[in-house]
């Protein structure tokens, strides 16, 4: 969405960029499961962005840190890595 709005600049379209990036870095994308989606409803309402809430749910359930510059995410019980 940010790419479509002109708020995210990438060297190529998101589909190609992501595929190339994952291949070059040997990173595996984390699939969104029904458990992740359902857990969003259990989260406190500290953050209104539905995509960010899904990332938080994934981090909680998978016990993974989040790399972010979003200071609102520190209100949740997840490990954050500062991206600023």
PDB file of N, CA and C in Angstrom:
ATOM      1  N   UNK A   1       0.822  -1.187   0.000  1.00  0.00           N
ATOM      2  CA  UNK A   1       0.000   0.000   0.000  1.00  0.00           C
ATOM      3  C   UNK A   1       0.869   1.254   0.000  1.00  0.00           C
ATOM      4  N   UNK A   2       1.938   1.247   0.809  1.00  0.00           N
ATOM      5  CA  UNK A   2       2.803   2.422   0.848  1.00  0.00           C
ATOM      6  C   UNK A   2       3.497   2.638  -0.495  1.00  0.00           C
ATOM      7  N   UNK A   3       3.856   1.557  -1.160  1.00  0.00           N
ATOM      8  CA  UNK A   3       4.466   1.677  -2.488  1.00  0.00           C
ATOM      9  C   UNK A   3       3.470   2.312  -3.457  1.00  0.00           C
ATOM     10  N   UNK A   4       2.238   1.848  -3.428  1.00  0.00           N
ATOM     11  CA  UNK A   4       1.204   2.370  -4.330  1.00  0.00           C
ATOM     12  C   UNK A   4       0.902   3.837  -4.054  1.00  0.00           C
ATOM     13  N   UNK A   5       1.049   4.255  -2.801  1.00  0.00           N
ATOM     14  CA  UNK A   5       0.806   5.647  -2.431  1.00  0.00           C
ATOM     15  C   UNK A   5       2.026   6.541  -2.653  1.00  0.00           C
ATOM     16  N   UNK A   6       3.149   5.934  -3.065  1.00  0.00           N
ATOM     17  CA  UNK A   6       4.368   6.709  -3.287  1.00  0.00           C
ATOM     18  C   UNK A   6       5.139   6.999  -2.013  1.00  0.00           C
ATOM     19  N   UNK A   7       4.814   6.303  -0.921  1.00  0.00           N
ATOM     20  CA  UNK A   7       5.487   6.524   0.360  1.00  0.00           C
ATOM     21  C   UNK A   7       6.619   5.537   0.620  1.00  0.00           C
ATOM     22  N   UNK A   8       6.796   4.579  -0.286  1.00  0.00           N
ATOM     23  CA  UNK A   8       7.872   3.603  -0.168  1.00  0.00           C
ATOM     24  C   UNK A   8       8.554   3.486  -1.516  1.00  0.00           C
ATOM     25  N   UNK A   9       9.826   3.822  -1.534  1.00  0.00           N
ATOM     26  CA  UNK A   9      10.593   3.740  -2.777  1.00  0.00           C
ATOM     27  C   UNK A   9      11.372   2.434  -2.797  1.00  0.00           C
ATOM     28  N   UNK A  10      11.259   1.727  -3.889  1.00  0.00           N
ATOM     29  CA  UNK A  10      11.987   0.483  -4.102  1.00  0.00           C
ATOM     30  C   UNK A  10      12.631   0.525  -5.475  1.00  0.00           C
ATOM     31  N   UNK A  11      13.714  -0.220  -5.672  1.00  0.00           N
ATOM     32  CA  UNK A  11      14.376  -0.219  -6.979  1.00  0.00           C
ATOM     33  C   UNK A  11      13.570  -0.930  -8.061  1.00  0.00           C
ATOM     34  N   UNK A  12      12.562  -1.690  -7.671  1.00  0.00           N
ATOM     35  CA  UNK A  12      11.682  -2.380  -8.608  1.00  0.00           C
ATOM     36  C   UNK A  12      10.335  -2.587  -7.931  1.00  0.00           C
ATOM     37  N   UNK A  13       9.363  -3.100  -8.668  1.00  0.00           N
ATOM     38  CA  UNK A  13       8.029  -3.312  -8.104  1.00  0.00           C
ATOM     39  C   UNK A  13       8.113  -4.260  -6.901  1.00  0.00           C
ATOM     40  N   UNK A  14       7.224  -4.107  -5.911  1.00  0.00           N
ATOM     41  CA  UNK A  14       7.309  -4.910  -4.683  1.00  0.00           C
ATOM     42  C   UNK A  14       7.388  -6.415  -4.904  1.00  0.00           C
ATOM     43  N   UNK A  15       6.600  -6.955  -5.825  1.00  0.00           N
ATOM     44  CA  UNK A  15       6.617  -8.408  -6.052  1.00  0.00           C
ATOM     45  C   UNK A  15       8.015  -8.880  -6.448  1.00  0.00           C
ATOM     46  N   UNK A  16       8.636  -8.190  -7.391  1.00  0.00           N
ATOM     47  CA  UNK A  16       9.970  -8.565  -7.846  1.00  0.00           C
ATOM     48  C   UNK A  16      11.019  -8.281  -6.766  1.00  0.00           C
ATOM     49  N   UNK A  17      10.891  -7.136  -6.106  1.00  0.00           N
ATOM     50  CA  UNK A  17      11.847  -6.775  -5.070  1.00  0.00           C
ATOM     51  C   UNK A  17      11.863  -7.818  -3.957  1.00  0.00           C
ATOM     52  N   UNK A  18      10.690  -8.189  -3.492  1.00  0.00           N
ATOM     53  CA  UNK A  18      10.603  -9.153  -2.391  1.00  0.00           C
ATOM     54  C   UNK A  18      11.158 -10.509  -2.809  1.00  0.00           C
ATOM     55  N   UNK A  19      10.784 -10.990  -3.971  1.00  0.00           N
ATOM     56  CA  UNK A  19      11.292 -12.282  -4.444  1.00  0.00           C
ATOM     57  C   UNK A  19      12.815 -12.265  -4.541  1.00  0.00           C
ATOM     58  N   UNK A  20      13.375 -11.213  -5.116  1.00  0.00           N
ATOM     59  CA  UNK A  20      14.830 -11.100  -5.252  1.00  0.00           C
ATOM     60  C   UNK A  20      15.507 -10.984  -3.902  1.00  0.00           C
ATOM     61  N   UNK A  21      14.929 -10.177  -3.016  1.00  0.00           N
ATOM     62  CA  UNK A  21      15.516  -9.981  -1.688  1.00  0.00           C
ATOM     63  C   UNK A  21      15.544 -11.287  -0.896  1.00  0.00           C
ATOM     64  N   UNK A  22      14.440 -12.017  -0.905  1.00  0.00           N
ATOM     65  CA  UNK A  22      14.381 -13.281  -0.166  1.00  0.00           C
ATOM     66  C   UNK A  22      15.385 -14.289  -0.714  1.00  0.00           C
ATOM     67  N   UNK A  23      15.531 -14.325  -2.031  1.00  0.00           N
ATOM     68  CA  UNK A  23      16.484 -15.248  -2.645  1.00  0.00           C
ATOM     69  C   UNK A  23      17.926 -14.861  -2.299  1.00  0.00           C
ATOM     70  N   UNK A  24      18.246 -13.594  -2.363  1.00  0.00           N
ATOM     71  CA  UNK A  24      19.613 -13.134  -2.107  1.00  0.00           C
ATOM     72  C   UNK A  24      20.016 -13.285  -0.648  1.00  0.00           C
ATOM     73  N   UNK A  25      19.076 -13.100   0.265  1.00  0.00           N
ATOM     74  CA  UNK A  25      19.405 -13.137   1.698  1.00  0.00           C
ATOM     75  C   UNK A  25      19.133 -14.492   2.338  1.00  0.00           C
ATOM     76  N   UNK A  26      18.533 -15.404   1.587  1.00  0.00           N
ATOM     77  CA  UNK A  26      18.181 -16.737   2.099  1.00  0.00           C
ATOM     78  C   UNK A  26      17.237 -16.640   3.294  1.00  0.00           C
ATOM     79  N   UNK A  27      16.378 -15.652   3.255  1.00  0.00           N
ATOM     80  CA  UNK A  27      15.367 -15.452   4.295  1.00  0.00           C
ATOM     81  C   UNK A  27      14.080 -16.125   3.839  1.00  0.00           C
ATOM     82  N   UNK A  28      13.367 -16.713   4.785  1.00  0.00           N
ATOM     83  CA  UNK A  28      12.086 -17.346   4.487  1.00  0.00           C
ATOM     84  C   UNK A  28      10.968 -16.463   5.023  1.00  0.00           C
ATOM     85  N   UNK A  29       9.977 -16.207   4.220  1.00  0.00           N
ATOM     86  CA  UNK A  29       8.838 -15.403   4.646  1.00  0.00           C
ATOM     87  C   UNK A  29       8.000 -16.195   5.650  1.00  0.00           C
ATOM     88  N   UNK A  30       7.464 -15.509   6.633  1.00  0.00           N
ATOM     89  CA  UNK A  30       6.591 -16.127   7.628  1.00  0.00           C
ATOM     90  C   UNK A  30       5.153 -16.049   7.134  1.00  0.00           C
ATOM     91  N   UNK A  31       4.538 -17.190   6.945  1.00  0.00           N
ATOM     92  CA  UNK A  31       3.153 -17.221   6.480  1.00  0.00           C
ATOM     93  C   UNK A  31       2.204 -16.732   7.577  1.00  0.00           C
ATOM     94  N   UNK A  32       1.103 -16.149   7.157  1.00  0.00           N
ATOM     95  CA  UNK A  32       0.063 -15.731   8.090  1.00  0.00           C
ATOM     96  C   UNK A  32      -0.889 -16.907   8.267  1.00  0.00           C
ATOM     97  N   UNK A  33      -1.050 -17.336   9.500  1.00  0.00           N
ATOM     98  CA  UNK A  33      -1.932 -18.463   9.790  1.00  0.00           C
ATOM     99  C   UNK A  33      -3.244 -17.966  10.387  1.00  0.00           C
ATOM    100  N   UNK A  34      -4.202 -18.856  10.463  1.00  0.00           N
ATOM    101  CA  UNK A  34      -5.473 -18.491  11.099  1.00  0.00           C
ATOM    102  C   UNK A  34      -5.263 -18.202  12.577  1.00  0.00           C
ATOM    103  N   UNK A  35      -4.300 -18.861  13.205  1.00  0.00           N
ATOM    104  CA  UNK A  35      -3.995 -18.591  14.613  1.00  0.00           C
ATOM    105  C   UNK A  35      -3.475 -17.162  14.781  1.00  0.00           C
ATOM    106  N   UNK A  36      -2.606 -16.724  13.870  1.00  0.00           N
ATOM    107  CA  UNK A  36      -2.105 -15.347  13.915  1.00  0.00           C
ATOM    108  C   UNK A  36      -3.265 -14.366  13.785  1.00  0.00           C
ATOM    109  N   UNK A  37      -4.113 -14.606  12.798  1.00  0.00           N
ATOM    110  CA  UNK A  37      -5.235 -13.695  12.548  1.00  0.00           C
ATOM    111  C   UNK A  37      -6.184 -13.644  13.737  1.00  0.00           C
ATOM    112  N   UNK A  38      -6.481 -14.791  14.330  1.00  0.00           N
ATOM    113  CA  UNK A  38      -7.405 -14.826  15.469  1.00  0.00           C
ATOM    114  C   UNK A  38      -6.804 -14.147  16.689  1.00  0.00           C
ATOM    115  N   UNK A  39      -5.486 -14.246  16.864  1.00  0.00           N
ATOM    116  CA  UNK A  39      -4.831 -13.656  18.041  1.00  0.00           C
ATOM    117  C   UNK A  39      -4.903 -12.137  18.036  1.00  0.00           C
ATOM    118  N   UNK A  40      -5.026 -11.545  16.868  1.00  0.00           N
ATOM    119  CA  UNK A  40      -5.149 -10.085  16.768  1.00  0.00           C
ATOM    120  C   UNK A  40      -6.286  -9.579  17.657  1.00  0.00           C
ATOM    121  N   UNK A  41      -7.375 -10.321  17.727  1.00  0.00           N
ATOM    122  CA  UNK A  41      -8.529  -9.916  18.537  1.00  0.00           C
ATOM    123  C   UNK A  41      -8.220  -9.923  20.031  1.00  0.00           C
ATOM    124  N   UNK A  42      -7.210 -10.683  20.456  1.00  0.00           N
ATOM    125  CA  UNK A  42      -6.832 -10.754  21.871  1.00  0.00           C
ATOM    126  C   UNK A  42      -5.861  -9.650  22.288  1.00  0.00           C
ATOM    127  N   UNK A  43      -5.320  -8.932  21.319  1.00  0.00           N
ATOM    128  CA  UNK A  43      -4.342  -7.887  21.641  1.00  0.00           C
ATOM    129  C   UNK A  43      -5.028  -6.657  22.220  1.00  0.00           C
ATOM    130  N   UNK A  44      -4.357  -5.983  23.171  1.00  0.00           N
ATOM    131  CA  UNK A  44      -4.886  -4.692  23.631  1.00  0.00           C
ATOM    132  C   UNK A  44      -4.897  -3.696  22.472  1.00  0.00           C
ATOM    133  N   UNK A  45      -5.706  -2.693  22.569  1.00  0.00           N
ATOM    134  CA  UNK A  45      -5.873  -1.727  21.473  1.00  0.00           C
ATOM    135  C   UNK A  45      -4.866  -0.584  21.537  1.00  0.00           C
ATOM    136  N   UNK A  46      -3.599  -0.907  21.692  1.00  0.00           N
ATOM    137  CA  UNK A  46      -2.556   0.124  21.727  1.00  0.00           C
ATOM    138  C   UNK A  46      -2.260   0.674  20.338  1.00  0.00           C
ATOM    139  N   UNK A  47      -2.564  -0.093  19.327  1.00  0.00           N
ATOM    140  CA  UNK A  47      -2.159   0.241  17.969  1.00  0.00           C
ATOM    141  C   UNK A  47      -3.344  -0.027  17.055  1.00  0.00           C
ATOM    142  N   UNK A  48      -3.654   0.893  16.162  1.00  0.00           N
ATOM    143  CA  UNK A  48      -4.839   0.752  15.317  1.00  0.00           C
ATOM    144  C   UNK A  48      -4.561   0.181  13.940  1.00  0.00           C
ATOM    145  N   UNK A  49      -3.311   0.180  13.516  1.00  0.00           N
ATOM    146  CA  UNK A  49      -2.984  -0.308  12.179  1.00  0.00           C
ATOM    147  C   UNK A  49      -3.151  -1.827  12.128  1.00  0.00           C
ATOM    148  N   UNK A  50      -4.069  -2.337  11.301  1.00  0.00           N
ATOM    149  CA  UNK A  50      -4.326  -3.784  11.285  1.00  0.00           C
ATOM    150  C   UNK A  50      -3.134  -4.616  10.832  1.00  0.00           C
ATOM    151  N   UNK A  51      -2.317  -4.086   9.944  1.00  0.00           N
ATOM    152  CA  UNK A  51      -1.141  -4.826   9.485  1.00  0.00           C
ATOM    153  C   UNK A  51      -0.105  -4.921  10.611  1.00  0.00           C
ATOM    154  N   UNK A  52       0.095  -3.833  11.319  1.00  0.00           N
ATOM    155  CA  UNK A  52       1.031  -3.859  12.440  1.00  0.00           C
ATOM    156  C   UNK A  52       0.532  -4.788  13.542  1.00  0.00           C
ATOM    157  N   UNK A  53      -0.761  -4.797  13.788  1.00  0.00           N
ATOM    158  CA  UNK A  53      -1.322  -5.695  14.807  1.00  0.00           C
ATOM    159  C   UNK A  53      -1.094  -7.151  14.410  1.00  0.00           C
ATOM    160  N   UNK A  54      -1.168  -7.457  13.135  1.00  0.00           N
ATOM    161  CA  UNK A  54      -0.902  -8.814  12.675  1.00  0.00           C
ATOM    162  C   UNK A  54       0.568  -9.176  12.879  1.00  0.00           C
ATOM    163  N   UNK A  55       1.457  -8.240  12.621  1.00  0.00           N
ATOM    164  CA  UNK A  55       2.890  -8.467  12.854  1.00  0.00           C
ATOM    165  C   UNK A  55       3.141  -8.713  14.339  1.00  0.00           C
ATOM    166  N   UNK A  56       2.484  -7.951  15.193  1.00  0.00           N
ATOM    167  CA  UNK A  56       2.628  -8.130  16.636  1.00  0.00           C
ATOM    168  C   UNK A  56       2.130  -9.519  17.046  1.00  0.00           C
ATOM    169  N   UNK A  57       0.991  -9.925  16.533  1.00  0.00           N
ATOM    170  CA  UNK A  57       0.454 -11.251  16.847  1.00  0.00           C
ATOM    171  C   UNK A  57       1.433 -12.343  16.420  1.00  0.00           C
ATOM    172  N   UNK A  58       1.997 -12.213  15.234  1.00  0.00           N
ATOM    173  CA  UNK A  58       2.979 -13.196  14.768  1.00  0.00           C
ATOM    174  C   UNK A  58       4.195 -13.229  15.693  1.00  0.00           C
ATOM    175  N   UNK A  59       4.675 -12.070  16.074  1.00  0.00           N
ATOM    176  CA  UNK A  59       5.853 -12.004  16.946  1.00  0.00           C
ATOM    177  C   UNK A  59       5.582 -12.662  18.290  1.00  0.00           C
ATOM    178  N   UNK A  60       4.409 -12.410  18.848  1.00  0.00           N
ATOM    179  CA  UNK A  60       4.054 -13.012  20.135  1.00  0.00           C
ATOM    180  C   UNK A  60       3.975 -14.531  20.009  1.00  0.00           C
ATOM    181  N   UNK A  61       3.204 -15.001  19.056  1.00  0.00           N
ATOM    182  CA  UNK A  61       2.967 -16.442  18.925  1.00  0.00           C
ATOM    183  C   UNK A  61       4.199 -17.222  18.477  1.00  0.00           C
ATOM    184  N   UNK A  62       5.022 -16.621  17.636  1.00  0.00           N
ATOM    185  CA  UNK A  62       6.210 -17.308  17.125  1.00  0.00           C
ATOM    186  C   UNK A  62       7.456 -17.001  17.953  1.00  0.00           C
ATOM    187  N   UNK A  63       7.298 -16.126  18.954  1.00  0.00           N
ATOM    188  CA  UNK A  63       8.413 -15.710  19.820  1.00  0.00           C
ATOM    189  C   UNK A  63       9.571 -15.168  18.987  1.00  0.00           C
ATOM    190  N   UNK A  64       9.224 -14.179  18.155  1.00  0.00           N
ATOM    191  CA  UNK A  64      10.195 -13.541  17.278  1.00  0.00           C
ATOM    192  C   UNK A  64      10.272 -12.053  17.594  1.00  0.00           C
ATOM    193  N   UNK A  65      11.447 -11.441  17.433  1.00  0.00           N
ATOM    194  CA  UNK A  65      11.539  -9.991  17.609  1.00  0.00           C
ATOM    195  C   UNK A  65      10.987  -9.262  16.390  1.00  0.00           C
ATOM    196  N   UNK A  66      10.675  -8.000  16.581  1.00  0.00           N
ATOM    197  CA  UNK A  66      10.202  -7.146  15.488  1.00  0.00           C
ATOM    198  C   UNK A  66      11.240  -6.052  15.265  1.00  0.00           C
ATOM    199  N   UNK A  67      11.675  -5.889  14.038  1.00  0.00           N
ATOM    200  CA  UNK A  67      12.555  -4.794  13.647  1.00  0.00           C
ATOM    201  C   UNK A  67      11.652  -3.650  13.225  1.00  0.00           C
ATOM    202  N   UNK A  68      11.673  -2.542  13.986  1.00  0.00           N
ATOM    203  CA  UNK A  68      10.740  -1.454  13.720  1.00  0.00           C
ATOM    204  C   UNK A  68      11.262  -0.115  14.225  1.00  0.00           C
ATOM    205  N   UNK A  69      10.761   0.940  13.638  1.00  0.00           N
ATOM    206  CA  UNK A  69      10.998   2.294  14.131  1.00  0.00           C
ATOM    207  C   UNK A  69       9.725   2.839  14.771  1.00  0.00           C
ATOM    208  N   UNK A  70       8.676   2.033  14.810  1.00  0.00           N
ATOM    209  CA  UNK A  70       7.374   2.434  15.336  1.00  0.00           C
ATOM    210  C   UNK A  70       7.386   2.364  16.857  1.00  0.00           C
ATOM    211  N   UNK A  71       7.367   3.508  17.507  1.00  0.00           N
ATOM    212  CA  UNK A  71       7.433   3.553  18.972  1.00  0.00           C
ATOM    213  C   UNK A  71       6.154   3.057  19.645  1.00  0.00           C
ATOM    214  N   UNK A  72       5.050   2.972  18.912  1.00  0.00           N
ATOM    215  CA  UNK A  72       3.812   2.468  19.502  1.00  0.00           C
ATOM    216  C   UNK A  72       3.888   0.966  19.790  1.00  0.00           C
ATOM    217  N   UNK A  73       4.742   0.263  19.102  1.00  0.00           N
ATOM    218  CA  UNK A  73       4.834  -1.184  19.296  1.00  0.00           C
ATOM    219  C   UNK A  73       5.452  -1.552  20.635  1.00  0.00           C
ATOM    220  N   UNK A  74       6.157  -0.617  21.282  1.00  0.00           N
ATOM    221  CA  UNK A  74       6.778  -0.949  22.561  1.00  0.00           C
ATOM    222  C   UNK A  74       5.759  -1.103  23.691  1.00  0.00           C
ATOM    223  N   UNK A  75       4.511  -0.846  23.416  1.00  0.00           N
ATOM    224  CA  UNK A  75       3.455  -1.018  24.415  1.00  0.00           C
ATOM    225  C   UNK A  75       2.985  -2.468  24.502  1.00  0.00           C
ATOM    226  N   UNK A  76       3.462  -3.303  23.594  1.00  0.00           N
ATOM    227  CA  UNK A  76       3.109  -4.721  23.588  1.00  0.00           C
ATOM    228  C   UNK A  76       4.248  -5.525  24.184  1.00  0.00           C
ATOM    229  N   UNK A  77       3.939  -6.716  24.620  1.00  0.00           N
ATOM    230  CA  UNK A  77       4.928  -7.602  25.236  1.00  0.00           C
ATOM    231  C   UNK A  77       5.652  -8.393  24.154  1.00  0.00           C
ATOM    232  N   UNK A  78       6.437  -7.679  23.343  1.00  0.00           N
ATOM    233  CA  UNK A  78       7.244  -8.304  22.296  1.00  0.00           C
ATOM    234  C   UNK A  78       8.630  -7.683  22.316  1.00  0.00           C
ATOM    235  N   UNK A  79       9.608  -8.455  21.871  1.00  0.00           N
ATOM    236  CA  UNK A  79      10.966  -7.941  21.758  1.00  0.00           C
ATOM    237  C   UNK A  79      11.054  -7.073  20.512  1.00  0.00           C
ATOM    238  N   UNK A  80      11.601  -5.878  20.672  1.00  0.00           N
ATOM    239  CA  UNK A  80      11.764  -4.957  19.547  1.00  0.00           C
ATOM    240  C   UNK A  80      13.246  -4.715  19.278  1.00  0.00           C
ATOM    241  N   UNK A  81      13.561  -4.593  18.014  1.00  0.00           N
ATOM    242  CA  UNK A  81      14.896  -4.185  17.585  1.00  0.00           C
ATOM    243  C   UNK A  81      14.713  -2.830  16.915  1.00  0.00           C
ATOM    244  N   UNK A  82      15.391  -1.815  17.434  1.00  0.00           N
ATOM    245  CA  UNK A  82      15.223  -0.449  16.948  1.00  0.00           C
ATOM    246  C   UNK A  82      15.770  -0.295  15.534  1.00  0.00           C
ATOM    247  N   UNK A  83      14.924   0.170  14.642  1.00  0.00           N
ATOM    248  CA  UNK A  83      15.299   0.341  13.233  1.00  0.00           C
ATOM    249  C   UNK A  83      15.534   1.799  12.866  1.00  0.00           C
ATOM    250  N   UNK A  84      15.656   2.676  13.866  1.00  0.00           N
ATOM    251  CA  UNK A  84      15.862   4.095  13.526  1.00  0.00           C
ATOM    252  C   UNK A  84      17.314   4.384  13.261  1.00  0.00           C
TER     253      UNK A  84
END
